[in-house]
Amino acid sequence: FCYKFRSMQLNVTTEKEASRNDPRVTRIGKFIRKTSIDE
């Protein structure tokens, strides 16, 4: 099990990789994903 800081709203499509302007990504999620802090 790979751990990350949660960067998306809760959803059931966890096996779908993130795409540009993904609506699942939160505002703080955009920042931590852009800086790779979520990893």
PDB file of all heavy atoms in Angstrom:
ATOM      1  N   PHE A   1       0.843  -1.195   0.000  1.00  0.00           N
ATOM      2  CA  PHE A   1       0.000   0.000   0.000  1.00  0.00           C
ATOM      3  C   PHE A   1       0.879   1.246   0.000  1.00  0.00           C
ATOM      4  O   PHE A   1       1.669   1.469   0.917  1.00  0.00           O
ATOM      5  CB  PHE A   1      -0.944  -0.009   1.201  1.00  0.00           C
ATOM      6  CG  PHE A   1      -2.051  -1.012   1.065  1.00  0.00           C
ATOM      7  CD1 PHE A   1      -1.932  -2.265   1.648  1.00  0.00           C
ATOM      8  CD2 PHE A   1      -3.183  -0.710   0.330  1.00  0.00           C
ATOM      9  CE1 PHE A   1      -2.943  -3.200   1.517  1.00  0.00           C
ATOM     10  CE2 PHE A   1      -4.202  -1.646   0.191  1.00  0.00           C
ATOM     11  CZ  PHE A   1      -4.086  -2.894   0.775  1.00  0.00           C
ATOM     12  N   CYS A   2       0.732   2.033  -1.049  1.00  0.00           N
ATOM     13  CA  CYS A   2       1.521   3.251  -1.250  1.00  0.00           C
ATOM     14  C   CYS A   2       0.792   4.419  -0.598  1.00  0.00           C
ATOM     15  O   CYS A   2      -0.404   4.633  -0.851  1.00  0.00           O
ATOM     16  CB  CYS A   2       1.696   3.486  -2.752  1.00  0.00           C
ATOM     17  SG  CYS A   2       2.666   4.942  -3.166  1.00  0.00           S
ATOM     18  N   TYR A   3       1.490   5.193   0.245  1.00  0.00           N
ATOM     19  CA  TYR A   3       0.881   6.292   0.981  1.00  0.00           C
ATOM     20  C   TYR A   3       1.152   7.640   0.310  1.00  0.00           C
ATOM     21  O   TYR A   3       2.235   7.881  -0.221  1.00  0.00           O
ATOM     22  CB  TYR A   3       1.395   6.326   2.418  1.00  0.00           C
ATOM     23  CG  TYR A   3       0.985   5.128   3.236  1.00  0.00           C
ATOM     24  CD1 TYR A   3       1.863   4.069   3.443  1.00  0.00           C
ATOM     25  CD2 TYR A   3      -0.288   5.048   3.781  1.00  0.00           C
ATOM     26  CE1 TYR A   3       1.491   2.961   4.180  1.00  0.00           C
ATOM     27  CE2 TYR A   3      -0.676   3.940   4.531  1.00  0.00           C
ATOM     28  CZ  TYR A   3       0.217   2.904   4.718  1.00  0.00           C
ATOM     29  OH  TYR A   3      -0.172   1.808   5.435  1.00  0.00           O
ATOM     30  N   LYS A   4       0.135   8.501   0.365  1.00  0.00           N
ATOM     31  CA  LYS A   4       0.263   9.875  -0.134  1.00  0.00           C
ATOM     32  C   LYS A   4      -0.590  10.789   0.750  1.00  0.00           C
ATOM     33  O   LYS A   4      -1.495  10.312   1.456  1.00  0.00           O
ATOM     34  CB  LYS A   4      -0.250   9.993  -1.573  1.00  0.00           C
ATOM     35  CG  LYS A   4       0.558   9.284  -2.624  1.00  0.00           C
ATOM     36  CD  LYS A   4      -0.022   9.592  -4.013  1.00  0.00           C
ATOM     37  CE  LYS A   4       0.797   8.944  -5.112  1.00  0.00           C
ATOM     38  NZ  LYS A   4       0.323   9.337  -6.463  1.00  0.00           N
ATOM     39  N   PHE A   5      -0.310  12.097   0.705  1.00  0.00           N
ATOM     40  CA  PHE A   5      -1.258  13.048   1.251  1.00  0.00           C
ATOM     41  C   PHE A   5      -2.445  13.102   0.299  1.00  0.00           C
ATOM     42  O   PHE A   5      -2.266  13.162  -0.919  1.00  0.00           O
ATOM     43  CB  PHE A   5      -0.637  14.444   1.377  1.00  0.00           C
ATOM     44  CG  PHE A   5       0.319  14.582   2.525  1.00  0.00           C
ATOM     45  CD1 PHE A   5       1.647  14.907   2.298  1.00  0.00           C
ATOM     46  CD2 PHE A   5      -0.111  14.414   3.837  1.00  0.00           C
ATOM     47  CE1 PHE A   5       2.534  15.039   3.351  1.00  0.00           C
ATOM     48  CE2 PHE A   5       0.781  14.542   4.895  1.00  0.00           C
ATOM     49  CZ  PHE A   5       2.100  14.855   4.658  1.00  0.00           C
ATOM     50  N   ARG A   6      -3.653  13.073   0.836  1.00  0.00           N
ATOM     51  CA  ARG A   6      -4.833  13.070  -0.029  1.00  0.00           C
ATOM     52  C   ARG A   6      -4.941  14.404  -0.771  1.00  0.00           C
ATOM     53  O   ARG A   6      -4.974  15.462  -0.147  1.00  0.00           O
ATOM     54  CB  ARG A   6      -6.091  12.814   0.803  1.00  0.00           C
ATOM     55  CG  ARG A   6      -7.361  12.718  -0.043  1.00  0.00           C
ATOM     56  CD  ARG A   6      -8.531  12.222   0.786  1.00  0.00           C
ATOM     57  NE  ARG A   6      -8.817  13.108   1.898  1.00  0.00           N
ATOM     58  CZ  ARG A   6      -9.571  14.210   1.803  1.00  0.00           C
ATOM     59  NH1 ARG A   6     -10.095  14.557   0.638  1.00  0.00           N
ATOM     60  NH2 ARG A   6      -9.778  14.958   2.864  1.00  0.00           N
ATOM     61  N   SER A   7      -5.031  14.328  -2.095  1.00  0.00           N
ATOM     62  CA  SER A   7      -5.096  15.531  -2.924  1.00  0.00           C
ATOM     63  C   SER A   7      -6.390  15.623  -3.720  1.00  0.00           C
ATOM     64  O   SER A   7      -6.562  16.548  -4.502  1.00  0.00           O
ATOM     65  CB  SER A   7      -3.899  15.544  -3.894  1.00  0.00           C
ATOM     66  OG  SER A   7      -3.919  14.402  -4.728  1.00  0.00           O
ATOM     67  N   MET A   8      -7.296  14.652  -3.527  1.00  0.00           N
ATOM     68  CA  MET A   8      -8.554  14.623  -4.281  1.00  0.00           C
ATOM     69  C   MET A   8      -9.753  14.526  -3.341  1.00  0.00           C
ATOM     70  O   MET A   8      -9.616  14.125  -2.180  1.00  0.00           O
ATOM     71  CB  MET A   8      -8.582  13.421  -5.237  1.00  0.00           C
ATOM     72  CG  MET A   8      -7.572  13.465  -6.362  1.00  0.00           C
ATOM     73  SD  MET A   8      -7.801  12.042  -7.464  1.00  0.00           S
ATOM     74  CE  MET A   8      -6.542  12.390  -8.707  1.00  0.00           C
ATOM     75  N   GLN A   9     -10.929  14.862  -3.884  1.00  0.00           N
ATOM     76  CA  GLN A   9     -12.161  14.567  -3.186  1.00  0.00           C
ATOM     77  C   GLN A   9     -12.325  13.047  -3.114  1.00  0.00           C
ATOM     78  O   GLN A   9     -11.814  12.323  -3.963  1.00  0.00           O
ATOM     79  CB  GLN A   9     -13.355  15.159  -3.953  1.00  0.00           C
ATOM     80  CG  GLN A   9     -13.275  16.652  -4.237  1.00  0.00           C
ATOM     81  CD  GLN A   9     -13.626  17.490  -3.022  1.00  0.00           C
ATOM     82  OE1 GLN A   9     -14.026  16.953  -1.978  1.00  0.00           O
ATOM     83  NE2 GLN A   9     -13.483  18.809  -3.133  1.00  0.00           N
ATOM     84  N   LEU A  10     -13.030  12.560  -2.120  1.00  0.00           N
ATOM     85  CA  LEU A  10     -13.293  11.128  -2.041  1.00  0.00           C
ATOM     86  C   LEU A  10     -14.058  10.684  -3.278  1.00  0.00           C
ATOM     87  O   LEU A  10     -15.042  11.313  -3.683  1.00  0.00           O
ATOM     88  CB  LEU A  10     -14.111  10.799  -0.782  1.00  0.00           C
ATOM     89  CG  LEU A  10     -13.392  11.001   0.556  1.00  0.00           C
ATOM     90  CD1 LEU A  10     -14.315  10.646   1.706  1.00  0.00           C
ATOM     91  CD2 LEU A  10     -12.124  10.170   0.623  1.00  0.00           C
ATOM     92  N   ASN A  11     -13.595   9.617  -3.933  1.00  0.00           N
ATOM     93  CA  ASN A  11     -14.230   9.134  -5.155  1.00  0.00           C
ATOM     94  C   ASN A  11     -13.997   7.633  -5.275  1.00  0.00           C
ATOM     95  O   ASN A  11     -13.209   7.046  -4.533  1.00  0.00           O
ATOM     96  CB  ASN A  11     -13.681   9.874  -6.384  1.00  0.00           C
ATOM     97  CG  ASN A  11     -12.199   9.634  -6.589  1.00  0.00           C
ATOM     98  OD1 ASN A  11     -11.799   8.651  -7.217  1.00  0.00           O
ATOM     99  ND2 ASN A  11     -11.359  10.522  -6.033  1.00  0.00           N
ATOM    100  N   VAL A  12     -14.687   7.029  -6.237  1.00  0.00           N
ATOM    101  CA  VAL A  12     -14.589   5.570  -6.417  1.00  0.00           C
ATOM    102  C   VAL A  12     -13.742   5.214  -7.632  1.00  0.00           C
ATOM    103  O   VAL A  12     -13.667   4.054  -8.022  1.00  0.00           O
ATOM    104  CB  VAL A  12     -16.001   4.949  -6.579  1.00  0.00           C
ATOM    105  CG1 VAL A  12     -16.793   5.106  -5.298  1.00  0.00           C
ATOM    106  CG2 VAL A  12     -16.745   5.574  -7.767  1.00  0.00           C
ATOM    107  N   THR A  13     -13.077   6.214  -8.236  1.00  0.00           N
ATOM    108  CA  THR A  13     -12.269   5.957  -9.442  1.00  0.00           C
ATOM    109  C   THR A  13     -10.790   6.048  -9.111  1.00  0.00           C
ATOM    110  O   THR A  13     -10.032   6.771  -9.767  1.00  0.00           O
ATOM    111  CB  THR A  13     -12.635   6.950 -10.568  1.00  0.00           C
ATOM    112  OG1 THR A  13     -12.481   8.293 -10.069  1.00  0.00           O
ATOM    113  CG2 THR A  13     -14.058   6.747 -11.035  1.00  0.00           C
ATOM    114  N   THR A  14     -10.363   5.347  -8.066  1.00  0.00           N
ATOM    115  CA  THR A  14      -8.967   5.444  -7.621  1.00  0.00           C
ATOM    116  C   THR A  14      -7.986   4.777  -8.579  1.00  0.00           C
ATOM    117  O   THR A  14      -6.792   5.042  -8.519  1.00  0.00           O
ATOM    118  CB  THR A  14      -8.805   4.819  -6.223  1.00  0.00           C
ATOM    119  OG1 THR A  14      -9.247   3.457  -6.281  1.00  0.00           O
ATOM    120  CG2 THR A  14      -9.633   5.580  -5.198  1.00  0.00           C
ATOM    121  N   GLU A  15      -8.468   3.892  -9.448  1.00  0.00           N
ATOM    122  CA  GLU A  15      -7.573   3.240 -10.411  1.00  0.00           C
ATOM    123  C   GLU A  15      -7.449   4.043 -11.700  1.00  0.00           C
ATOM    124  O   GLU A  15      -6.832   3.594 -12.657  1.00  0.00           O
ATOM    125  CB  GLU A  15      -8.062   1.828 -10.732  1.00  0.00           C
ATOM    126  CG  GLU A  15      -7.614   0.781  -9.718  1.00  0.00           C
ATOM    127  CD  GLU A  15      -6.103   0.573  -9.685  1.00  0.00           C
ATOM    128  OE1 GLU A  15      -5.519   0.315 -10.751  1.00  0.00           O
ATOM    129  OE2 GLU A  15      -5.500   0.675  -8.608  1.00  0.00           O
ATOM    130  N   LYS A  16      -8.058   5.217 -11.718  1.00  0.00           N
ATOM    131  CA  LYS A  16      -7.938   6.110 -12.868  1.00  0.00           C
ATOM    132  C   LYS A  16      -6.898   7.166 -12.542  1.00  0.00           C
ATOM    133  O   LYS A  16      -7.025   7.887 -11.544  1.00  0.00           O
ATOM    134  CB  LYS A  16      -9.281   6.766 -13.178  1.00  0.00           C
ATOM    135  CG  LYS A  16      -9.228   7.738 -14.349  1.00  0.00           C
ATOM    136  CD  LYS A  16     -10.570   8.441 -14.537  1.00  0.00           C
ATOM    137  CE  LYS A  16     -10.463   9.489 -15.648  1.00  0.00           C
ATOM    138  NZ  LYS A  16     -11.729  10.255 -15.802  1.00  0.00           N
ATOM    139  N   GLU A  17      -5.842   7.264 -13.369  1.00  0.00           N
ATOM    140  CA  GLU A  17      -4.781   8.221 -13.070  1.00  0.00           C
ATOM    141  C   GLU A  17      -5.268   9.644 -13.279  1.00  0.00           C
ATOM    142  O   GLU A  17      -6.217   9.895 -14.031  1.00  0.00           O
ATOM    143  CB  GLU A  17      -3.550   7.957 -13.954  1.00  0.00           C
ATOM    144  CG  GLU A  17      -3.785   8.157 -15.435  1.00  0.00           C
ATOM    145  CD  GLU A  17      -2.515   7.951 -16.242  1.00  0.00           C
ATOM    146  OE1 GLU A  17      -1.432   8.132 -15.677  1.00  0.00           O
ATOM    147  OE2 GLU A  17      -2.629   7.622 -17.437  1.00  0.00           O
ATOM    148  N   ALA A  18      -4.610  10.586 -12.599  1.00  0.00           N
ATOM    149  CA  ALA A  18      -4.994  11.993 -12.686  1.00  0.00           C
ATOM    150  C   ALA A  18      -4.674  12.542 -14.066  1.00  0.00           C
ATOM    151  O   ALA A  18      -3.660  12.197 -14.676  1.00  0.00           O
ATOM    152  CB  ALA A  18      -4.272  12.801 -11.619  1.00  0.00           C
ATOM    153  N   SER A  19      -5.552  13.426 -14.557  1.00  0.00           N
ATOM    154  CA  SER A  19      -5.352  14.081 -15.847  1.00  0.00           C
ATOM    155  C   SER A  19      -5.291  15.588 -15.636  1.00  0.00           C
ATOM    156  O   SER A  19      -5.584  16.092 -14.541  1.00  0.00           O
ATOM    157  CB  SER A  19      -6.481  13.722 -16.819  1.00  0.00           C
ATOM    158  OG  SER A  19      -7.731  14.080 -16.259  1.00  0.00           O
ATOM    159  N   ARG A  20      -4.919  16.314 -16.665  1.00  0.00           N
ATOM    160  CA  ARG A  20      -4.846  17.770 -16.564  1.00  0.00           C
ATOM    161  C   ARG A  20      -6.238  18.333 -16.246  1.00  0.00           C
ATOM    162  O   ARG A  20      -7.237  17.939 -16.841  1.00  0.00           O
ATOM    163  CB  ARG A  20      -4.310  18.348 -17.868  1.00  0.00           C
ATOM    164  CG  ARG A  20      -3.894  19.808 -17.764  1.00  0.00           C
ATOM    165  CD  ARG A  20      -3.388  20.313 -19.103  1.00  0.00           C
ATOM    166  NE  ARG A  20      -2.178  19.621 -19.518  1.00  0.00           N
ATOM    167  CZ  ARG A  20      -0.953  19.963 -19.150  1.00  0.00           C
ATOM    168  NH1 ARG A  20      -0.771  20.989 -18.337  1.00  0.00           N
ATOM    169  NH2 ARG A  20       0.090  19.279 -19.583  1.00  0.00           N
ATOM    170  N   ASN A  21      -6.293  19.276 -15.285  1.00  0.00           N
ATOM    171  CA  ASN A  21      -7.556  19.897 -14.851  1.00  0.00           C
ATOM    172  C   ASN A  21      -8.561  18.853 -14.351  1.00  0.00           C
ATOM    173  O   ASN A  21      -9.769  18.969 -14.575  1.00  0.00           O
ATOM    174  CB  ASN A  21      -8.175  20.716 -15.990  1.00  0.00           C
ATOM    175  CG  ASN A  21      -7.254  21.823 -16.469  1.00  0.00           C
ATOM    176  OD1 ASN A  21      -6.613  22.498 -15.663  1.00  0.00           O
ATOM    177  ND2 ASN A  21      -7.185  22.026 -17.779  1.00  0.00           N
ATOM    178  N   ASP A  22      -8.067  17.846 -13.681  1.00  0.00           N
ATOM    179  CA  ASP A  22      -8.913  16.778 -13.144  1.00  0.00           C
ATOM    180  C   ASP A  22      -9.856  17.362 -12.093  1.00  0.00           C
ATOM    181  O   ASP A  22      -9.405  17.979 -11.108  1.00  0.00           O
ATOM    182  CB  ASP A  22      -8.029  15.687 -12.520  1.00  0.00           C
ATOM    183  CG  ASP A  22      -8.775  14.391 -12.287  1.00  0.00           C
ATOM    184  OD1 ASP A  22      -9.895  14.442 -11.756  1.00  0.00           O
ATOM    185  OD2 ASP A  22      -8.231  13.321 -12.652  1.00  0.00           O
ATOM    186  N   PRO A  23     -11.174  17.212 -12.266  1.00  0.00           N
ATOM    187  CA  PRO A  23     -12.128  17.805 -11.315  1.00  0.00           C
ATOM    188  C   PRO A  23     -12.061  17.188  -9.921  1.00  0.00           C
ATOM    189  O   PRO A  23     -12.570  17.768  -8.953  1.00  0.00           O
ATOM    190  CB  PRO A  23     -13.487  17.533 -11.971  1.00  0.00           C
ATOM    191  CG  PRO A  23     -13.259  16.353 -12.868  1.00  0.00           C
ATOM    192  CD  PRO A  23     -11.844  16.495 -13.355  1.00  0.00           C
ATOM    193  N   ARG A  24     -11.448  16.011  -9.786  1.00  0.00           N
ATOM    194  CA  ARG A  24     -11.344  15.364  -8.479  1.00  0.00           C
ATOM    195  C   ARG A  24     -10.323  16.039  -7.569  1.00  0.00           C
ATOM    196  O   ARG A  24     -10.364  15.890  -6.347  1.00  0.00           O
ATOM    197  CB  ARG A  24     -10.960  13.895  -8.653  1.00  0.00           C
ATOM    198  CG  ARG A  24     -11.967  13.056  -9.418  1.00  0.00           C
ATOM    199  CD  ARG A  24     -11.403  11.660  -9.669  1.00  0.00           C
ATOM    200  NE  ARG A  24     -10.212  11.702 -10.515  1.00  0.00           N
ATOM    201  CZ  ARG A  24      -9.412  10.664 -10.709  1.00  0.00           C
ATOM    202  NH1 ARG A  24      -9.654   9.510 -10.105  1.00  0.00           N
ATOM    203  NH2 ARG A  24      -8.351  10.777 -11.497  1.00  0.00           N
ATOM    204  N   VAL A  25      -9.373  16.781  -8.169  1.00  0.00           N
ATOM    205  CA  VAL A  25      -8.273  17.384  -7.405  1.00  0.00           C
ATOM    206  C   VAL A  25      -8.750  18.635  -6.671  1.00  0.00           C
ATOM    207  O   VAL A  25      -9.379  19.520  -7.267  1.00  0.00           O
ATOM    208  CB  VAL A  25      -7.089  17.726  -8.333  1.00  0.00           C
ATOM    209  CG1 VAL A  25      -5.963  18.373  -7.534  1.00  0.00           C
ATOM    210  CG2 VAL A  25      -6.583  16.476  -9.039  1.00  0.00           C
ATOM    211  N   THR A  26      -8.430  18.728  -5.387  1.00  0.00           N
ATOM    212  CA  THR A  26      -8.805  19.894  -4.584  1.00  0.00           C
ATOM    213  C   THR A  26      -7.824  21.037  -4.814  1.00  0.00           C
ATOM    214  O   THR A  26      -6.803  20.876  -5.477  1.00  0.00           O
ATOM    215  CB  THR A  26      -8.810  19.516  -3.091  1.00  0.00           C
ATOM    216  OG1 THR A  26      -7.476  19.112  -2.717  1.00  0.00           O
ATOM    217  CG2 THR A  26      -9.773  18.371  -2.816  1.00  0.00           C
ATOM    218  N   ARG A  27      -8.136  22.196  -4.214  1.00  0.00           N
ATOM    219  CA  ARG A  27      -7.246  23.360  -4.379  1.00  0.00           C
ATOM    220  C   ARG A  27      -5.890  23.122  -3.716  1.00  0.00           C
ATOM    221  O   ARG A  27      -4.848  23.379  -4.306  1.00  0.00           O
ATOM    222  CB  ARG A  27      -7.910  24.613  -3.807  1.00  0.00           C
ATOM    223  CG  ARG A  27      -9.004  25.193  -4.702  1.00  0.00           C
ATOM    224  CD  ARG A  27      -9.688  26.357  -4.029  1.00  0.00           C
ATOM    225  NE  ARG A  27     -10.377  25.927  -2.797  1.00  0.00           N
ATOM    226  CZ  ARG A  27     -10.975  26.765  -1.948  1.00  0.00           C
ATOM    227  NH1 ARG A  27     -10.956  28.066  -2.172  1.00  0.00           N
ATOM    228  NH2 ARG A  27     -11.576  26.304  -0.867  1.00  0.00           N
ATOM    229  N   ILE A  28      -5.936  22.645  -2.468  1.00  0.00           N
ATOM    230  CA  ILE A  28      -4.661  22.325  -1.812  1.00  0.00           C
ATOM    231  C   ILE A  28      -3.998  21.147  -2.516  1.00  0.00           C
ATOM    232  O   ILE A  28      -2.767  21.056  -2.591  1.00  0.00           O
ATOM    233  CB  ILE A  28      -4.878  22.011  -0.302  1.00  0.00           C
ATOM    234  CG1 ILE A  28      -3.523  21.813   0.410  1.00  0.00           C
ATOM    235  CG2 ILE A  28      -5.743  20.774  -0.120  1.00  0.00           C
ATOM    236  CD1 ILE A  28      -2.666  23.036   0.465  1.00  0.00           C
ATOM    237  N   GLY A  29      -4.820  20.261  -3.100  1.00  0.00           N
ATOM    238  CA  GLY A  29      -4.289  19.119  -3.845  1.00  0.00           C
ATOM    239  C   GLY A  29      -3.493  19.549  -5.062  1.00  0.00           C
ATOM    240  O   GLY A  29      -2.473  18.936  -5.392  1.00  0.00           O
ATOM    241  N   LYS A  30      -3.957  20.593  -5.740  1.00  0.00           N
ATOM    242  CA  LYS A  30      -3.221  21.091  -6.918  1.00  0.00           C
ATOM    243  C   LYS A  30      -1.826  21.553  -6.534  1.00  0.00           C
ATOM    244  O   LYS A  30      -0.857  21.305  -7.251  1.00  0.00           O
ATOM    245  CB  LYS A  30      -3.991  22.249  -7.568  1.00  0.00           C
ATOM    246  CG  LYS A  30      -5.260  21.823  -8.293  1.00  0.00           C
ATOM    247  CD  LYS A  30      -5.968  23.013  -8.913  1.00  0.00           C
ATOM    248  CE  LYS A  30      -7.253  22.571  -9.616  1.00  0.00           C
ATOM    249  NZ  LYS A  30      -7.985  23.737 -10.201  1.00  0.00           N
ATOM    250  N   PHE A  31      -1.736  22.208  -5.390  1.00  0.00           N
ATOM    251  CA  PHE A  31      -0.428  22.707  -4.938  1.00  0.00           C
ATOM    252  C   PHE A  31       0.504  21.576  -4.550  1.00  0.00           C
ATOM    253  O   PHE A  31       1.659  21.532  -4.993  1.00  0.00           O
ATOM    254  CB  PHE A  31      -0.621  23.662  -3.750  1.00  0.00           C
ATOM    255  CG  PHE A  31       0.666  24.044  -3.078  1.00  0.00           C
ATOM    256  CD1 PHE A  31       1.541  24.931  -3.683  1.00  0.00           C
ATOM    257  CD2 PHE A  31       1.020  23.492  -1.849  1.00  0.00           C
ATOM    258  CE1 PHE A  31       2.745  25.280  -3.075  1.00  0.00           C
ATOM    259  CE2 PHE A  31       2.209  23.823  -1.235  1.00  0.00           C
ATOM    260  CZ  PHE A  31       3.071  24.726  -1.853  1.00  0.00           C
ATOM    261  N   ILE A  32       0.005  20.641  -3.744  1.00  0.00           N
ATOM    262  CA  ILE A  32       0.908  19.582  -3.274  1.00  0.00           C
ATOM    263  C   ILE A  32       1.267  18.609  -4.396  1.00  0.00           C
ATOM    264  O   ILE A  32       2.324  17.988  -4.364  1.00  0.00           O
ATOM    265  CB  ILE A  32       0.321  18.832  -2.049  1.00  0.00           C
ATOM    266  CG1 ILE A  32      -0.976  18.116  -2.395  1.00  0.00           C
ATOM    267  CG2 ILE A  32       0.140  19.783  -0.876  1.00  0.00           C
ATOM    268  CD1 ILE A  32      -1.536  17.281  -1.248  1.00  0.00           C
ATOM    269  N   ARG A  33       0.391  18.472  -5.395  1.00  0.00           N
ATOM    270  CA  ARG A  33       0.730  17.621  -6.538  1.00  0.00           C
ATOM    271  C   ARG A  33       1.747  18.321  -7.439  1.00  0.00           C
ATOM    272  O   ARG A  33       2.659  17.688  -7.981  1.00  0.00           O
ATOM    273  CB  ARG A  33      -0.527  17.261  -7.338  1.00  0.00           C
ATOM    274  CG  ARG A  33      -1.492  16.362  -6.604  1.00  0.00           C
ATOM    275  CD  ARG A  33      -2.733  16.093  -7.423  1.00  0.00           C
ATOM    276  NE  ARG A  33      -2.432  15.165  -8.512  1.00  0.00           N
ATOM    277  CZ  ARG A  33      -2.541  13.845  -8.417  1.00  0.00           C
ATOM    278  NH1 ARG A  33      -2.960  13.296  -7.288  1.00  0.00           N
ATOM    279  NH2 ARG A  33      -2.274  13.073  -9.444  1.00  0.00           N
ATOM    280  N   LYS A  34       1.585  19.626  -7.616  1.00  0.00           N
ATOM    281  CA  LYS A  34       2.510  20.393  -8.459  1.00  0.00           C
ATOM    282  C   LYS A  34       3.916  20.373  -7.880  1.00  0.00           C
ATOM    283  O   LYS A  34       4.916  20.319  -8.611  1.00  0.00           O
ATOM    284  CB  LYS A  34       2.016  21.840  -8.587  1.00  0.00           C
ATOM    285  CG  LYS A  34       2.817  22.704  -9.544  1.00  0.00           C
ATOM    286  CD  LYS A  34       2.637  22.267 -10.984  1.00  0.00           C
ATOM    287  CE  LYS A  34       3.378  23.168 -11.955  1.00  0.00           C
ATOM    288  NZ  LYS A  34       3.274  22.699 -13.356  1.00  0.00           N
ATOM    289  N   THR A  35       4.021  20.415  -6.555  1.00  0.00           N
ATOM    290  CA  THR A  35       5.328  20.437  -5.889  1.00  0.00           C
ATOM    291  C   THR A  35       5.787  19.049  -5.448  1.00  0.00           C
ATOM    292  O   THR A  35       6.849  18.927  -4.839  1.00  0.00           O
ATOM    293  CB  THR A  35       5.266  21.350  -4.655  1.00  0.00           C
ATOM    294  OG1 THR A  35       4.201  20.909  -3.804  1.00  0.00           O
ATOM    295  CG2 THR A  35       5.026  22.802  -5.064  1.00  0.00           C
ATOM    296  N   SER A  36       4.967  18.028  -5.732  1.00  0.00           N
ATOM    297  CA  SER A  36       5.252  16.631  -5.364  1.00  0.00           C
ATOM    298  C   SER A  36       5.280  16.411  -3.852  1.00  0.00           C
ATOM    299  O   SER A  36       5.775  15.384  -3.383  1.00  0.00           O
ATOM    300  CB  SER A  36       6.595  16.174  -5.978  1.00  0.00           C
ATOM    301  OG  SER A  36       6.542  16.210  -7.392  1.00  0.00           O
ATOM    302  N   ILE A  37       4.729  17.359  -3.079  1.00  0.00           N
ATOM    303  CA  ILE A  37       4.676  17.193  -1.626  1.00  0.00           C
ATOM    304  C   ILE A  37       3.764  16.034  -1.257  1.00  0.00           C
ATOM    305  O   ILE A  37       3.956  15.385  -0.209  1.00  0.00           O
ATOM    306  CB  ILE A  37       4.201  18.505  -0.957  1.00  0.00           C
ATOM    307  CG1 ILE A  37       5.280  19.594  -1.122  1.00  0.00           C
ATOM    308  CG2 ILE A  37       3.886  18.309   0.517  1.00  0.00           C
ATOM    309  CD1 ILE A  37       4.867  20.954  -0.607  1.00  0.00           C
ATOM    310  N   ASP A  38       2.777  15.745  -2.120  1.00  0.00           N
ATOM    311  CA  ASP A  38       1.850  14.654  -1.819  1.00  0.00           C
ATOM    312  C   ASP A  38       2.550  13.297  -1.716  1.00  0.00           C
ATOM    313  O   ASP A  38       2.026  12.349  -1.117  1.00  0.00           O
ATOM    314  CB  ASP A  38       0.737  14.596  -2.869  1.00  0.00           C
ATOM    315  CG  ASP A  38       1.264  14.278  -4.259  1.00  0.00           C
ATOM    316  OD1 ASP A  38       2.326  14.823  -4.632  1.00  0.00           O
ATOM    317  OD2 ASP A  38       0.627  13.488  -4.984  1.00  0.00           O
ATOM    318  N   GLU A  39       3.752  13.193  -2.297  1.00  0.00           N
ATOM    319  CA  GLU A  39       4.486  11.922  -2.289  1.00  0.00           C
ATOM    320  C   GLU A  39       5.291  11.697  -1.004  1.00  0.00           C
ATOM    321  O   GLU A  39       5.805  10.594  -0.769  1.00  0.00           O
ATOM    322  CB  GLU A  39       5.463  11.876  -3.477  1.00  0.00           C
ATOM    323  CG  GLU A  39       4.857  12.223  -4.841  1.00  0.00           C
ATOM    324  CD  GLU A  39       4.057  11.081  -5.436  1.00  0.00           C
ATOM    325  OE1 GLU A  39       3.977  10.011  -4.791  1.00  0.00           O
ATOM    326  OE2 GLU A  39       3.504  11.257  -6.536  1.00  0.00           O
TER     327      GLU A  39
END
